[in-house]
Amino acid sequence: MTGEPLTALVLTGGRSSRMGQNKALLNLTPGGPSLIELVVARLADVASETVLVGTETAPYDFLGLRHVPDLYPNAGSLGGIYSGLQAAKYPYALAVACDMPFLSPDLLRYMASVPREYDVLLPVIDEPEPLHAIYSQLCLPWMEERIDARRYKIIGWFDKAKVQKIERHTIERYDPHCRSFFNVNTPEEWERARETTLHE
Protein backbone atom coordinates (compact mmCIF):
# COMPACT_ATOMS: atom_id res chain seq x y z
CA MET A 1 0.00 0.00 0.00
CA THR A 2 1.39 3.39 -1.01
CA GLY A 3 0.44 7.03 -0.55
CA GLU A 4 -1.66 8.63 2.14
CA PRO A 5 -3.74 6.37 4.39
CA LEU A 6 -7.34 5.82 3.40
CA THR A 7 -10.34 4.35 5.22
CA ALA A 8 -12.69 2.09 3.26
CA LEU A 9 -16.36 2.06 4.21
CA VAL A 10 -18.52 -0.92 3.24
CA LEU A 11 -22.21 -0.10 3.61
CA THR A 12 -24.18 -3.12 4.78
CA GLY A 13 -27.39 -1.35 5.77
CA GLY A 14 -29.62 -2.21 2.81
CA ARG A 15 -32.72 -4.27 3.55
CA SER A 16 -32.21 -6.62 0.55
CA SER A 17 -35.97 -6.42 0.01
CA ARG A 18 -35.72 -6.98 -3.74
CA MET A 19 -33.45 -9.97 -3.25
CA GLY A 20 -35.51 -11.61 -0.52
CA GLN A 21 -32.40 -12.62 1.45
CA ASN A 22 -29.19 -11.01 2.69
CA LYS A 23 -27.46 -10.22 -0.60
CA ALA A 24 -24.10 -9.51 1.06
CA LEU A 25 -23.77 -13.20 1.97
CA LEU A 26 -24.66 -14.59 -1.47
CA ASN A 27 -22.01 -16.49 -3.44
CA LEU A 28 -21.31 -16.12 -7.15
CA THR A 29 -19.80 -19.60 -7.35
CA PRO A 30 -20.70 -22.68 -5.27
CA GLY A 31 -18.58 -22.66 -2.13
CA GLY A 32 -16.91 -19.44 -3.24
CA PRO A 33 -16.57 -16.19 -1.30
CA SER A 34 -19.65 -14.13 -0.51
CA LEU A 35 -20.26 -10.77 -2.14
CA ILE A 36 -19.07 -8.91 0.92
CA GLU A 37 -15.91 -11.03 1.08
CA LEU A 38 -15.17 -10.15 -2.55
CA VAL A 39 -15.66 -6.46 -1.78
CA VAL A 40 -13.42 -6.55 1.29
CA ALA A 41 -10.70 -8.41 -0.61
CA ARG A 42 -10.70 -5.84 -3.43
CA LEU A 43 -10.33 -3.01 -0.91
CA ALA A 44 -7.36 -4.58 0.86
CA ASP A 45 -4.80 -3.07 -1.54
CA VAL A 46 -5.89 0.52 -1.01
CA ALA A 47 -7.37 0.71 2.49
CA SER A 48 -5.40 1.31 5.65
CA GLU A 49 -8.54 0.24 7.49
CA THR A 50 -11.83 -1.24 6.34
CA VAL A 51 -14.96 -0.46 8.32
CA LEU A 52 -18.40 -2.02 7.97
CA VAL A 53 -21.33 0.37 8.42
CA GLY A 54 -24.84 -0.81 9.24
CA THR A 55 -27.33 -1.70 11.93
CA GLU A 56 -26.77 -5.47 11.84
CA THR A 57 -23.42 -6.74 13.07
CA ALA A 58 -23.72 -10.46 13.79
CA PRO A 59 -23.86 -11.72 10.16
CA TYR A 60 -20.46 -10.14 9.47
CA ASP A 61 -18.54 -11.02 12.62
CA PHE A 62 -16.63 -13.68 10.66
CA LEU A 63 -14.85 -10.94 8.71
CA GLY A 64 -13.09 -9.68 11.84
CA LEU A 65 -13.55 -6.02 10.86
CA ARG A 66 -14.57 -2.98 12.86
CA HIS A 67 -18.29 -2.36 12.55
CA VAL A 68 -19.91 0.99 13.24
CA PRO A 69 -23.66 1.51 13.66
CA ASP A 70 -25.71 3.45 11.17
CA LEU A 71 -26.53 6.56 13.19
CA TYR A 72 -29.44 7.38 10.89
CA PRO A 73 -30.80 4.00 9.73
CA ASN A 74 -33.69 5.64 7.88
CA ALA A 75 -31.48 8.04 5.94
CA GLY A 76 -30.42 5.56 3.27
CA SER A 77 -26.90 5.46 1.87
CA LEU A 78 -26.27 9.09 2.84
CA GLY A 79 -26.76 8.15 6.49
CA GLY A 80 -24.40 5.20 6.09
CA ILE A 81 -21.66 7.28 4.48
CA TYR A 82 -22.07 9.93 7.19
CA SER A 83 -21.84 7.36 10.00
CA GLY A 84 -18.78 5.68 8.53
CA LEU A 85 -16.99 8.91 7.67
CA GLN A 86 -17.53 10.22 11.17
CA ALA A 87 -16.00 7.05 12.61
CA ALA A 88 -13.14 6.83 10.11
CA LYS A 89 -9.62 6.82 11.47
CA TYR A 90 -8.29 8.79 8.50
CA PRO A 91 -9.44 12.10 6.97
CA TYR A 92 -10.54 10.54 3.68
CA ALA A 93 -12.76 7.52 3.16
CA LEU A 94 -13.74 5.48 0.13
CA ALA A 95 -17.39 4.44 0.32
CA VAL A 96 -18.73 1.37 -1.50
CA ALA A 97 -21.72 -0.94 -1.12
CA CYS A 98 -21.52 -4.53 0.09
CA ASP A 99 -22.97 -5.89 -3.18
CA MET A 100 -20.38 -4.71 -5.74
CA PRO A 101 -18.50 -7.90 -6.68
CA PHE A 102 -16.55 -6.49 -9.62
CA LEU A 103 -14.63 -3.66 -7.99
CA SER A 104 -11.45 -3.03 -9.99
CA PRO A 105 -8.26 -3.02 -7.90
CA ASP A 106 -6.59 -0.95 -10.64
CA LEU A 107 -9.30 1.72 -10.54
CA LEU A 108 -9.30 1.75 -6.74
CA ARG A 109 -5.52 2.19 -6.70
CA TYR A 110 -5.80 5.05 -9.16
CA MET A 111 -8.45 6.77 -7.06
CA ALA A 112 -6.37 6.35 -3.91
CA SER A 113 -3.39 7.94 -5.70
CA VAL A 114 -5.18 11.13 -6.78
CA PRO A 115 -3.83 14.10 -4.77
CA ARG A 116 -6.28 14.91 -2.01
CA GLU A 117 -7.13 18.43 -3.04
CA TYR A 118 -10.86 17.64 -3.20
CA ASP A 119 -13.78 17.16 -0.85
CA VAL A 120 -15.29 14.43 -3.04
CA LEU A 121 -13.59 12.32 -5.71
CA LEU A 122 -16.49 11.18 -7.88
CA PRO A 123 -16.51 8.72 -10.80
CA VAL A 124 -19.01 9.63 -13.51
CA ILE A 125 -20.17 7.18 -16.16
CA ASP A 126 -23.55 8.24 -17.52
CA GLU A 127 -24.50 9.38 -14.02
CA PRO A 128 -22.43 10.17 -10.91
CA GLU A 129 -21.39 7.11 -8.89
CA PRO A 130 -21.51 8.34 -5.27
CA LEU A 131 -21.32 4.78 -3.91
CA HIS A 132 -17.86 4.38 -5.41
CA ALA A 133 -16.43 7.70 -4.27
CA ILE A 134 -13.91 9.14 -1.82
CA TYR A 135 -15.12 11.66 0.75
CA SER A 136 -13.27 14.04 3.05
CA GLN A 137 -14.38 14.41 6.64
CA LEU A 138 -14.81 18.10 5.80
CA CYS A 139 -18.07 16.97 4.13
CA LEU A 140 -19.66 15.88 7.41
CA PRO A 141 -21.43 19.19 8.22
CA TRP A 142 -23.02 19.33 4.74
CA MET A 143 -24.19 15.73 5.07
CA GLU A 144 -25.59 16.35 8.53
CA GLU A 145 -27.48 19.40 7.30
CA ARG A 146 -29.18 17.32 4.59
CA ILE A 147 -29.99 14.49 6.99
CA ASP A 148 -31.52 16.93 9.48
CA ALA A 149 -33.68 18.26 6.64
CA ARG A 150 -34.66 14.67 5.73
CA ARG A 151 -33.27 15.12 2.25
CA TYR A 152 -31.31 11.95 1.67
CA LYS A 153 -30.06 12.19 -1.90
CA ILE A 154 -26.31 11.59 -1.66
CA ILE A 155 -25.33 14.21 -4.23
CA GLY A 156 -27.77 16.82 -2.88
CA TRP A 157 -25.03 18.80 -1.13
CA PHE A 158 -22.30 18.44 -3.76
CA ASP A 159 -22.80 22.05 -4.91
CA LYS A 160 -21.19 23.15 -1.63
CA ALA A 161 -18.16 20.86 -1.96
CA LYS A 162 -15.06 20.77 -4.11
CA VAL A 163 -15.98 17.81 -6.29
CA GLN A 164 -13.30 16.34 -8.55
CA LYS A 165 -14.82 14.12 -11.23
CA ILE A 166 -13.24 11.08 -12.82
CA GLU A 167 -14.66 10.93 -16.33
CA ARG A 168 -15.50 7.78 -18.24
CA HIS A 169 -12.42 7.84 -20.50
CA THR A 170 -10.19 7.76 -17.41
CA ILE A 171 -12.23 5.06 -15.71
CA GLU A 172 -12.02 2.85 -18.81
CA ARG A 173 -8.21 2.92 -18.67
CA TYR A 174 -8.45 0.92 -15.43
CA ASP A 175 -11.82 -0.80 -15.79
CA PRO A 176 -12.54 -1.14 -19.55
CA HIS A 177 -16.10 -2.44 -19.13
CA CYS A 178 -16.95 -0.20 -16.13
CA ARG A 179 -18.10 -3.22 -14.17
CA SER A 180 -16.94 -1.71 -10.88
CA PHE A 181 -20.29 -0.01 -10.48
CA PHE A 182 -22.46 -3.10 -10.92
CA ASN A 183 -24.72 -3.78 -7.93
CA VAL A 184 -26.48 -7.05 -7.08
CA ASN A 185 -29.92 -5.95 -5.93
CA THR A 186 -32.27 -8.48 -7.53
CA PRO A 187 -32.26 -12.21 -8.33
CA GLU A 188 -31.83 -11.27 -11.99
CA GLU A 189 -28.72 -9.20 -11.24
CA TRP A 190 -27.35 -12.00 -9.09
CA GLU A 191 -27.81 -14.42 -11.98
CA ARG A 192 -26.12 -11.99 -14.36
CA ALA A 193 -23.18 -11.62 -11.96
CA ARG A 194 -22.89 -15.42 -11.67
CA GLU A 195 -22.88 -15.76 -15.47
CA THR A 196 -20.21 -13.09 -15.76
CA THR A 197 -18.04 -14.84 -13.18
CA LEU A 198 -18.52 -18.19 -14.92
CA HIS A 199 -17.26 -16.82 -18.23
CA GLU A 200 -14.28 -14.84 -16.91
C-alpha atoms as a PDB file:
ATOM      1  CA  MET A   1       0.000   0.000   0.000  1.00  0.00           C
ATOM      2  CA  THR A   2       1.388   3.392  -1.008  1.00  0.00           C
ATOM      3  CA  GLY A   3       0.444   7.032  -0.547  1.00  0.00           C
ATOM      4  CA  GLU A   4      -1.663   8.629   2.144  1.00  0.00           C
ATOM      5  CA  PRO A   5      -3.744   6.372   4.390  1.00  0.00           C
ATOM      6  CA  LEU A   6      -7.339   5.815   3.403  1.00  0.00           C
ATOM      7  CA  THR A   7     -10.338   4.352   5.220  1.00  0.00           C
ATOM      8  CA  ALA A   8     -12.685   2.086   3.256  1.00  0.00           C
ATOM      9  CA  LEU A   9     -16.357   2.056   4.214  1.00  0.00           C
ATOM     10  CA  VAL A  10     -18.518  -0.920   3.238  1.00  0.00           C
ATOM     11  CA  LEU A  11     -22.210  -0.099   3.610  1.00  0.00           C
ATOM     12  CA  THR A  12     -24.184  -3.124   4.783  1.00  0.00           C
ATOM     13  CA  GLY A  13     -27.389  -1.347   5.773  1.00  0.00           C
ATOM     14  CA  GLY A  14     -29.620  -2.212   2.811  1.00  0.00           C
ATOM     15  CA  ARG A  15     -32.724  -4.269   3.550  1.00  0.00           C
ATOM     16  CA  SER A  16     -32.210  -6.617   0.545  1.00  0.00           C
ATOM     17  CA  SER A  17     -35.975  -6.422   0.008  1.00  0.00           C
ATOM     18  CA  ARG A  18     -35.723  -6.978  -3.742  1.00  0.00           C
ATOM     19  CA  MET A  19     -33.447  -9.974  -3.255  1.00  0.00           C
ATOM     20  CA  GLY A  20     -35.512 -11.609  -0.516  1.00  0.00           C
ATOM     21  CA  GLN A  21     -32.400 -12.620   1.447  1.00  0.00           C
ATOM     22  CA  ASN A  22     -29.194 -11.013   2.687  1.00  0.00           C
ATOM     23  CA  LYS A  23     -27.464 -10.215  -0.601  1.00  0.00           C
ATOM     24  CA  ALA A  24     -24.102  -9.512   1.061  1.00  0.00           C
ATOM     25  CA  LEU A  25     -23.775 -13.198   1.974  1.00  0.00           C
ATOM     26  CA  LEU A  26     -24.664 -14.592  -1.466  1.00  0.00           C
ATOM     27  CA  ASN A  27     -22.012 -16.491  -3.435  1.00  0.00           C
ATOM     28  CA  LEU A  28     -21.306 -16.121  -7.148  1.00  0.00           C
ATOM     29  CA  THR A  29     -19.796 -19.596  -7.352  1.00  0.00           C
ATOM     30  CA  PRO A  30     -20.701 -22.684  -5.273  1.00  0.00           C
ATOM     31  CA  GLY A  31     -18.577 -22.656  -2.129  1.00  0.00           C
ATOM     32  CA  GLY A  32     -16.912 -19.436  -3.239  1.00  0.00           C
ATOM     33  CA  PRO A  33     -16.571 -16.195  -1.295  1.00  0.00           C
ATOM     34  CA  SER A  34     -19.654 -14.132  -0.510  1.00  0.00           C
ATOM     35  CA  LEU A  35     -20.260 -10.768  -2.144  1.00  0.00           C
ATOM     36  CA  ILE A  36     -19.069  -8.911   0.924  1.00  0.00           C
ATOM     37  CA  GLU A  37     -15.906 -11.029   1.081  1.00  0.00           C
ATOM     38  CA  LEU A  38     -15.169 -10.151  -2.553  1.00  0.00           C
ATOM     39  CA  VAL A  39     -15.660  -6.460  -1.780  1.00  0.00           C
ATOM     40  CA  VAL A  40     -13.424  -6.547   1.293  1.00  0.00           C
ATOM     41  CA  ALA A  41     -10.700  -8.415  -0.612  1.00  0.00           C
ATOM     42  CA  ARG A  42     -10.704  -5.841  -3.428  1.00  0.00           C
ATOM     43  CA  LEU A  43     -10.335  -3.015  -0.908  1.00  0.00           C
ATOM     44  CA  ALA A  44      -7.359  -4.580   0.855  1.00  0.00           C
ATOM     45  CA  ASP A  45      -4.802  -3.068  -1.542  1.00  0.00           C
ATOM     46  CA  VAL A  46      -5.889   0.520  -1.006  1.00  0.00           C
ATOM     47  CA  ALA A  47      -7.374   0.712   2.489  1.00  0.00           C
ATOM     48  CA  SER A  48      -5.402   1.313   5.649  1.00  0.00           C
ATOM     49  CA  GLU A  49      -8.540   0.241   7.492  1.00  0.00           C
ATOM     50  CA  THR A  50     -11.833  -1.244   6.336  1.00  0.00           C
ATOM     51  CA  VAL A  51     -14.963  -0.455   8.324  1.00  0.00           C
ATOM     52  CA  LEU A  52     -18.405  -2.022   7.971  1.00  0.00           C
ATOM     53  CA  VAL A  53     -21.329   0.368   8.416  1.00  0.00           C
ATOM     54  CA  GLY A  54     -24.843  -0.808   9.242  1.00  0.00           C
ATOM     55  CA  THR A  55     -27.335  -1.700  11.925  1.00  0.00           C
ATOM     56  CA  GLU A  56     -26.766  -5.466  11.837  1.00  0.00           C
ATOM     57  CA  THR A  57     -23.423  -6.741  13.067  1.00  0.00           C
ATOM     58  CA  ALA A  58     -23.716 -10.463  13.786  1.00  0.00           C
ATOM     59  CA  PRO A  59     -23.860 -11.719  10.158  1.00  0.00           C
ATOM     60  CA  TYR A  60     -20.459 -10.139   9.468  1.00  0.00           C
ATOM     61  CA  ASP A  61     -18.542 -11.023  12.618  1.00  0.00           C
ATOM     62  CA  PHE A  62     -16.629 -13.678  10.658  1.00  0.00           C
ATOM     63  CA  LEU A  63     -14.849 -10.938   8.708  1.00  0.00           C
ATOM     64  CA  GLY A  64     -13.094  -9.679  11.845  1.00  0.00           C
ATOM     65  CA  LEU A  65     -13.554  -6.021  10.862  1.00  0.00           C
ATOM     66  CA  ARG A  66     -14.574  -2.979  12.865  1.00  0.00           C
ATOM     67  CA  HIS A  67     -18.287  -2.360  12.551  1.00  0.00           C
ATOM     68  CA  VAL A  68     -19.908   0.993  13.245  1.00  0.00           C
ATOM     69  CA  PRO A  69     -23.659   1.511  13.658  1.00  0.00           C
ATOM     70  CA  ASP A  70     -25.712   3.446  11.170  1.00  0.00           C
ATOM     71  CA  LEU A  71     -26.526   6.563  13.187  1.00  0.00           C
ATOM     72  CA  TYR A  72     -29.439   7.384  10.890  1.00  0.00           C
ATOM     73  CA  PRO A  73     -30.799   4.005   9.731  1.00  0.00           C
ATOM     74  CA  ASN A  74     -33.693   5.636   7.883  1.00  0.00           C
ATOM     75  CA  ALA A  75     -31.478   8.036   5.939  1.00  0.00           C
ATOM     76  CA  GLY A  76     -30.416   5.558   3.265  1.00  0.00           C
ATOM     77  CA  SER A  77     -26.903   5.464   1.875  1.00  0.00           C
ATOM     78  CA  LEU A  78     -26.271   9.086   2.840  1.00  0.00           C
ATOM     79  CA  GLY A  79     -26.760   8.146   6.493  1.00  0.00           C
ATOM     80  CA  GLY A  80     -24.399   5.199   6.091  1.00  0.00           C
ATOM     81  CA  ILE A  81     -21.665   7.281   4.483  1.00  0.00           C
ATOM     82  CA  TYR A  82     -22.072   9.932   7.186  1.00  0.00           C
ATOM     83  CA  SER A  83     -21.842   7.364   9.996  1.00  0.00           C
ATOM     84  CA  GLY A  84     -18.784   5.677   8.527  1.00  0.00           C
ATOM     85  CA  LEU A  85     -16.990   8.909   7.667  1.00  0.00           C
ATOM     86  CA  GLN A  86     -17.529  10.224  11.174  1.00  0.00           C
ATOM     87  CA  ALA A  87     -15.996   7.048  12.611  1.00  0.00           C
ATOM     88  CA  ALA A  88     -13.137   6.832  10.106  1.00  0.00           C
ATOM     89  CA  LYS A  89      -9.620   6.818  11.470  1.00  0.00           C
ATOM     90  CA  TYR A  90      -8.286   8.785   8.497  1.00  0.00           C
ATOM     91  CA  PRO A  91      -9.441  12.101   6.972  1.00  0.00           C
ATOM     92  CA  TYR A  92     -10.545  10.539   3.677  1.00  0.00           C
ATOM     93  CA  ALA A  93     -12.759   7.521   3.160  1.00  0.00           C
ATOM     94  CA  LEU A  94     -13.742   5.480   0.126  1.00  0.00           C
ATOM     95  CA  ALA A  95     -17.393   4.440   0.322  1.00  0.00           C
ATOM     96  CA  VAL A  96     -18.730   1.366  -1.501  1.00  0.00           C
ATOM     97  CA  ALA A  97     -21.720  -0.935  -1.122  1.00  0.00           C
ATOM     98  CA  CYS A  98     -21.522  -4.530   0.086  1.00  0.00           C
ATOM     99  CA  ASP A  99     -22.972  -5.887  -3.184  1.00  0.00           C
ATOM    100  CA  MET A 100     -20.382  -4.708  -5.735  1.00  0.00           C
ATOM    101  CA  PRO A 101     -18.496  -7.897  -6.685  1.00  0.00           C
ATOM    102  CA  PHE A 102     -16.550  -6.491  -9.624  1.00  0.00           C
ATOM    103  CA  LEU A 103     -14.629  -3.663  -7.995  1.00  0.00           C
ATOM    104  CA  SER A 104     -11.446  -3.032  -9.993  1.00  0.00           C
ATOM    105  CA  PRO A 105      -8.264  -3.016  -7.900  1.00  0.00           C
ATOM    106  CA  ASP A 106      -6.590  -0.945 -10.640  1.00  0.00           C
ATOM    107  CA  LEU A 107      -9.300   1.715 -10.539  1.00  0.00           C
ATOM    108  CA  LEU A 108      -9.302   1.752  -6.740  1.00  0.00           C
ATOM    109  CA  ARG A 109      -5.525   2.191  -6.699  1.00  0.00           C
ATOM    110  CA  TYR A 110      -5.802   5.050  -9.163  1.00  0.00           C
ATOM    111  CA  MET A 111      -8.448   6.771  -7.062  1.00  0.00           C
ATOM    112  CA  ALA A 112      -6.365   6.353  -3.915  1.00  0.00           C
ATOM    113  CA  SER A 113      -3.390   7.938  -5.705  1.00  0.00           C
ATOM    114  CA  VAL A 114      -5.184  11.133  -6.783  1.00  0.00           C
ATOM    115  CA  PRO A 115      -3.827  14.098  -4.768  1.00  0.00           C
ATOM    116  CA  ARG A 116      -6.284  14.905  -2.007  1.00  0.00           C
ATOM    117  CA  GLU A 117      -7.134  18.428  -3.039  1.00  0.00           C
ATOM    118  CA  TYR A 118     -10.855  17.641  -3.200  1.00  0.00           C
ATOM    119  CA  ASP A 119     -13.783  17.158  -0.848  1.00  0.00           C
ATOM    120  CA  VAL A 120     -15.286  14.433  -3.043  1.00  0.00           C
ATOM    121  CA  LEU A 121     -13.592  12.316  -5.705  1.00  0.00           C
ATOM    122  CA  LEU A 122     -16.486  11.178  -7.882  1.00  0.00           C
ATOM    123  CA  PRO A 123     -16.509   8.721 -10.798  1.00  0.00           C
ATOM    124  CA  VAL A 124     -19.008   9.630 -13.505  1.00  0.00           C
ATOM    125  CA  ILE A 125     -20.170   7.176 -16.156  1.00  0.00           C
ATOM    126  CA  ASP A 126     -23.554   8.236 -17.515  1.00  0.00           C
ATOM    127  CA  GLU A 127     -24.502   9.379 -14.024  1.00  0.00           C
ATOM    128  CA  PRO A 128     -22.428  10.169 -10.909  1.00  0.00           C
ATOM    129  CA  GLU A 129     -21.392   7.110  -8.893  1.00  0.00           C
ATOM    130  CA  PRO A 130     -21.510   8.336  -5.265  1.00  0.00           C
ATOM    131  CA  LEU A 131     -21.322   4.781  -3.910  1.00  0.00           C
ATOM    132  CA  HIS A 132     -17.857   4.382  -5.413  1.00  0.00           C
ATOM    133  CA  ALA A 133     -16.427   7.696  -4.270  1.00  0.00           C
ATOM    134  CA  ILE A 134     -13.907   9.135  -1.819  1.00  0.00           C
ATOM    135  CA  TYR A 135     -15.116  11.664   0.751  1.00  0.00           C
ATOM    136  CA  SER A 136     -13.265  14.044   3.049  1.00  0.00           C
ATOM    137  CA  GLN A 137     -14.385  14.407   6.643  1.00  0.00           C
ATOM    138  CA  LEU A 138     -14.814  18.098   5.795  1.00  0.00           C
ATOM    139  CA  CYS A 139     -18.069  16.972   4.132  1.00  0.00           C
ATOM    140  CA  LEU A 140     -19.658  15.881   7.405  1.00  0.00           C
ATOM    141  CA  PRO A 141     -21.432  19.191   8.219  1.00  0.00           C
ATOM    142  CA  TRP A 142     -23.022  19.330   4.737  1.00  0.00           C
ATOM    143  CA  MET A 143     -24.190  15.725   5.070  1.00  0.00           C
ATOM    144  CA  GLU A 144     -25.591  16.352   8.533  1.00  0.00           C
ATOM    145  CA  GLU A 145     -27.484  19.400   7.303  1.00  0.00           C
ATOM    146  CA  ARG A 146     -29.179  17.320   4.590  1.00  0.00           C
ATOM    147  CA  ILE A 147     -29.992  14.494   6.991  1.00  0.00           C
ATOM    148  CA  ASP A 148     -31.519  16.932   9.485  1.00  0.00           C
ATOM    149  CA  ALA A 149     -33.676  18.262   6.641  1.00  0.00           C
ATOM    150  CA  ARG A 150     -34.658  14.668   5.732  1.00  0.00           C
ATOM    151  CA  ARG A 151     -33.270  15.123   2.249  1.00  0.00           C
ATOM    152  CA  TYR A 152     -31.313  11.952   1.673  1.00  0.00           C
ATOM    153  CA  LYS A 153     -30.057  12.193  -1.904  1.00  0.00           C
ATOM    154  CA  ILE A 154     -26.314  11.586  -1.657  1.00  0.00           C
ATOM    155  CA  ILE A 155     -25.334  14.205  -4.230  1.00  0.00           C
ATOM    156  CA  GLY A 156     -27.767  16.817  -2.879  1.00  0.00           C
ATOM    157  CA  TRP A 157     -25.034  18.799  -1.130  1.00  0.00           C
ATOM    158  CA  PHE A 158     -22.295  18.445  -3.761  1.00  0.00           C
ATOM    159  CA  ASP A 159     -22.804  22.048  -4.914  1.00  0.00           C
ATOM    160  CA  LYS A 160     -21.191  23.146  -1.628  1.00  0.00           C
ATOM    161  CA  ALA A 161     -18.163  20.865  -1.960  1.00  0.00           C
ATOM    162  CA  LYS A 162     -15.064  20.767  -4.107  1.00  0.00           C
ATOM    163  CA  VAL A 163     -15.975  17.811  -6.291  1.00  0.00           C
ATOM    164  CA  GLN A 164     -13.304  16.338  -8.548  1.00  0.00           C
ATOM    165  CA  LYS A 165     -14.824  14.120 -11.226  1.00  0.00           C
ATOM    166  CA  ILE A 166     -13.242  11.075 -12.817  1.00  0.00           C
ATOM    167  CA  GLU A 167     -14.657  10.926 -16.326  1.00  0.00           C
ATOM    168  CA  ARG A 168     -15.501   7.775 -18.239  1.00  0.00           C
ATOM    169  CA  HIS A 169     -12.422   7.835 -20.496  1.00  0.00           C
ATOM    170  CA  THR A 170     -10.186   7.759 -17.412  1.00  0.00           C
ATOM    171  CA  ILE A 171     -12.234   5.056 -15.707  1.00  0.00           C
ATOM    172  CA  GLU A 172     -12.016   2.848 -18.807  1.00  0.00           C
ATOM    173  CA  ARG A 173      -8.206   2.920 -18.668  1.00  0.00           C
ATOM    174  CA  TYR A 174      -8.453   0.917 -15.432  1.00  0.00           C
ATOM    175  CA  ASP A 175     -11.823  -0.802 -15.789  1.00  0.00           C
ATOM    176  CA  PRO A 176     -12.540  -1.142 -19.549  1.00  0.00           C
ATOM    177  CA  HIS A 177     -16.102  -2.440 -19.128  1.00  0.00           C
ATOM    178  CA  CYS A 178     -16.952  -0.196 -16.134  1.00  0.00           C
ATOM    179  CA  ARG A 179     -18.098  -3.218 -14.172  1.00  0.00           C
ATOM    180  CA  SER A 180     -16.936  -1.706 -10.876  1.00  0.00           C
ATOM    181  CA  PHE A 181     -20.290  -0.006 -10.481  1.00  0.00           C
ATOM    182  CA  PHE A 182     -22.461  -3.095 -10.921  1.00  0.00           C
ATOM    183  CA  ASN A 183     -24.724  -3.784  -7.931  1.00  0.00           C
ATOM    184  CA  VAL A 184     -26.477  -7.053  -7.084  1.00  0.00           C
ATOM    185  CA  ASN A 185     -29.923  -5.950  -5.926  1.00  0.00           C
ATOM    186  CA  THR A 186     -32.271  -8.478  -7.535  1.00  0.00           C
ATOM    187  CA  PRO A 187     -32.263 -12.215  -8.331  1.00  0.00           C
ATOM    188  CA  GLU A 188     -31.826 -11.273 -11.994  1.00  0.00           C
ATOM    189  CA  GLU A 189     -28.724  -9.204 -11.243  1.00  0.00           C
ATOM    190  CA  TRP A 190     -27.354 -12.002  -9.088  1.00  0.00           C
ATOM    191  CA  GLU A 191     -27.807 -14.424 -11.976  1.00  0.00           C
ATOM    192  CA  ARG A 192     -26.119 -11.994 -14.364  1.00  0.00           C
ATOM    193  CA  ALA A 193     -23.180 -11.624 -11.965  1.00  0.00           C
ATOM    194  CA  ARG A 194     -22.894 -15.418 -11.667  1.00  0.00           C
ATOM    195  CA  GLU A 195     -22.883 -15.756 -15.469  1.00  0.00           C
ATOM    196  CA  THR A 196     -20.206 -13.093 -15.760  1.00  0.00           C
ATOM    197  CA  THR A 197     -18.044 -14.837 -13.182  1.00  0.00           C
ATOM    198  CA  LEU A 198     -18.521 -18.192 -14.921  1.00  0.00           C
ATOM    199  CA  HIS A 199     -17.262 -16.816 -18.233  1.00  0.00           C
ATOM    200  CA  GLU A 200     -14.279 -14.841 -16.912  1.00  0.00           C
END
